[in-house]
Amino acid sequence: MMPGWTQLLLVAVLLVLLFGRGKISDLMGDVAKGIKSFKKGMADDEDEIAAKAAKTINMEANTTDEHAKSTKSDS
């Protein structure tokens, strides 16, 4: 069951009366900073994973090239 608009309005008024506008805006600012920090952390992790994958691919390519060169020189 969804709360009606009057119930939501009553809850909002009670929150403002209990905490004041300043506390609520500070809280929302902290929530926004947390979200930004989380997104930044996720982006950093994705960059780190991509860098590791590229390094692994390069190492495998070098190993394959060295193996091919040694095979040709043995023949």
C-alpha atoms as a PDB file:
ATOM      1  CA  MET A   1       0.000   0.000   0.000  1.00  0.00           C
ATOM      2  CA  MET A   2       1.448   3.327  -1.059  1.00  0.00           C
ATOM      3  CA  PRO A   3       1.315   6.298   1.302  1.00  0.00           C
ATOM      4  CA  GLY A   4      -0.809   9.205   0.125  1.00  0.00           C
ATOM      5  CA  TRP A   5       0.493  12.696  -0.569  1.00  0.00           C
ATOM      6  CA  THR A   6      -0.928  13.981   2.719  1.00  0.00           C
ATOM      7  CA  GLN A   7       0.981  11.341   4.667  1.00  0.00           C
ATOM      8  CA  LEU A   8       4.207  12.199   2.847  1.00  0.00           C
ATOM      9  CA  LEU A   9       3.644  15.888   3.510  1.00  0.00           C
ATOM     10  CA  LEU A  10       3.041  15.211   7.200  1.00  0.00           C
ATOM     11  CA  VAL A  11       6.268  13.181   7.452  1.00  0.00           C
ATOM     12  CA  ALA A  12       8.213  15.943   5.669  1.00  0.00           C
ATOM     13  CA  VAL A  13       6.839  18.606   8.036  1.00  0.00           C
ATOM     14  CA  LEU A  14       7.714  16.476  11.068  1.00  0.00           C
ATOM     15  CA  LEU A  15      11.250  15.941   9.782  1.00  0.00           C
ATOM     16  CA  VAL A  16      11.736  19.680   9.296  1.00  0.00           C
ATOM     17  CA  LEU A  17      10.382  20.393  12.762  1.00  0.00           C
ATOM     18  CA  LEU A  18      12.571  17.763  14.410  1.00  0.00           C
ATOM     19  CA  PHE A  19      15.827  18.323  12.575  1.00  0.00           C
ATOM     20  CA  GLY A  20      15.542  21.779  11.070  1.00  0.00           C
ATOM     21  CA  ARG A  21      16.337  22.722   7.499  1.00  0.00           C
ATOM     22  CA  GLY A  22      20.075  23.024   8.135  1.00  0.00           C
ATOM     23  CA  LYS A  23      20.512  19.492   9.443  1.00  0.00           C
ATOM     24  CA  ILE A  24      18.518  17.983   6.588  1.00  0.00           C
ATOM     25  CA  SER A  25      20.505  19.873   3.937  1.00  0.00           C
ATOM     26  CA  ASP A  26      23.773  18.819   5.627  1.00  0.00           C
ATOM     27  CA  LEU A  27      22.585  15.223   5.629  1.00  0.00           C
ATOM     28  CA  MET A  28      21.634  15.358   1.947  1.00  0.00           C
ATOM     29  CA  GLY A  29      25.033  16.910   1.146  1.00  0.00           C
ATOM     30  CA  ASP A  30      26.779  14.064   2.948  1.00  0.00           C
ATOM     31  CA  VAL A  31      24.691  11.518   1.055  1.00  0.00           C
ATOM     32  CA  ALA A  32      25.619  13.190  -2.250  1.00  0.00           C
ATOM     33  CA  LYS A  33      29.339  13.123  -1.323  1.00  0.00           C
ATOM     34  CA  GLY A  34      29.050   9.440  -0.478  1.00  0.00           C
ATOM     35  CA  ILE A  35      27.444   8.667  -3.821  1.00  0.00           C
ATOM     36  CA  LYS A  36      30.136  10.622  -5.706  1.00  0.00           C
ATOM     37  CA  SER A  37      32.868   8.836  -3.763  1.00  0.00           C
ATOM     38  CA  PHE A  38      31.298   5.458  -4.505  1.00  0.00           C
ATOM     39  CA  LYS A  39      31.062   6.212  -8.234  1.00  0.00           C
ATOM     40  CA  LYS A  40      34.678   7.406  -8.292  1.00  0.00           C
ATOM     41  CA  GLY A  41      35.796   4.239  -6.527  1.00  0.00           C
ATOM     42  CA  MET A  42      33.920   2.073  -9.018  1.00  0.00           C
ATOM     43  CA  ALA A  43      35.502   3.946 -11.956  1.00  0.00           C
ATOM     44  CA  ASP A  44      38.976   3.576 -10.415  1.00  0.00           C
ATOM     45  CA  ASP A  45      38.428  -0.169  -9.983  1.00  0.00           C
ATOM     46  CA  GLU A  46      37.328  -0.521 -13.612  1.00  0.00           C
ATOM     47  CA  ASP A  47      40.424   1.387 -14.790  1.00  0.00           C
ATOM     48  CA  GLU A  48      42.660  -0.812 -12.643  1.00  0.00           C
ATOM     49  CA  ILE A  49      41.064  -3.998 -13.985  1.00  0.00           C
ATOM     50  CA  ALA A  50      41.428  -2.785 -17.571  1.00  0.00           C
ATOM     51  CA  ALA A  51      45.103  -1.927 -16.992  1.00  0.00           C
ATOM     52  CA  LYS A  52      45.784  -5.383 -15.536  1.00  0.00           C
ATOM     53  CA  ALA A  53      44.012  -7.042 -18.463  1.00  0.00           C
ATOM     54  CA  ALA A  54      46.045  -5.019 -20.978  1.00  0.00           C
ATOM     55  CA  LYS A  55      49.269  -5.900 -19.177  1.00  0.00           C
ATOM     56  CA  THR A  56      48.359  -9.597 -19.199  1.00  0.00           C
ATOM     57  CA  ILE A  57      47.545  -9.492 -22.909  1.00  0.00           C
ATOM     58  CA  ASN A  58      50.851  -7.772 -23.666  1.00  0.00           C
ATOM     59  CA  MET A  59      52.774 -10.330 -21.609  1.00  0.00           C
ATOM     60  CA  GLU A  60      51.041 -13.195 -23.410  1.00  0.00           C
ATOM     61  CA  ALA A  61      51.788 -11.608 -26.793  1.00  0.00           C
ATOM     62  CA  ASN A  62      55.470 -11.200 -25.883  1.00  0.00           C
ATOM     63  CA  THR A  63      55.669 -14.801 -24.705  1.00  0.00           C
ATOM     64  CA  THR A  64      54.090 -16.012 -27.944  1.00  0.00           C
ATOM     65  CA  ASP A  65      56.502 -13.886 -30.024  1.00  0.00           C
ATOM     66  CA  GLU A  66      59.525 -15.192 -28.102  1.00  0.00           C
ATOM     67  CA  HIS A  67      58.314 -18.771 -28.534  1.00  0.00           C
ATOM     68  CA  ALA A  68      57.839 -18.243 -32.283  1.00  0.00           C
ATOM     69  CA  LYS A  69      61.333 -16.739 -32.608  1.00  0.00           C
ATOM     70  CA  SER A  70      62.960 -19.583 -30.701  1.00  0.00           C
ATOM     71  CA  THR A  71      61.094 -22.138 -32.813  1.00  0.00           C
ATOM     72  CA  LYS A  72      62.342 -20.496 -36.033  1.00  0.00           C
ATOM     73  CA  SER A  73      65.940 -20.332 -34.826  1.00  0.00           C
ATOM     74  CA  ASP A  74      65.872 -24.011 -33.803  1.00  0.00           C
ATOM     75  CA  SER A  75      64.835 -25.069 -37.317  1.00  0.00           C
END
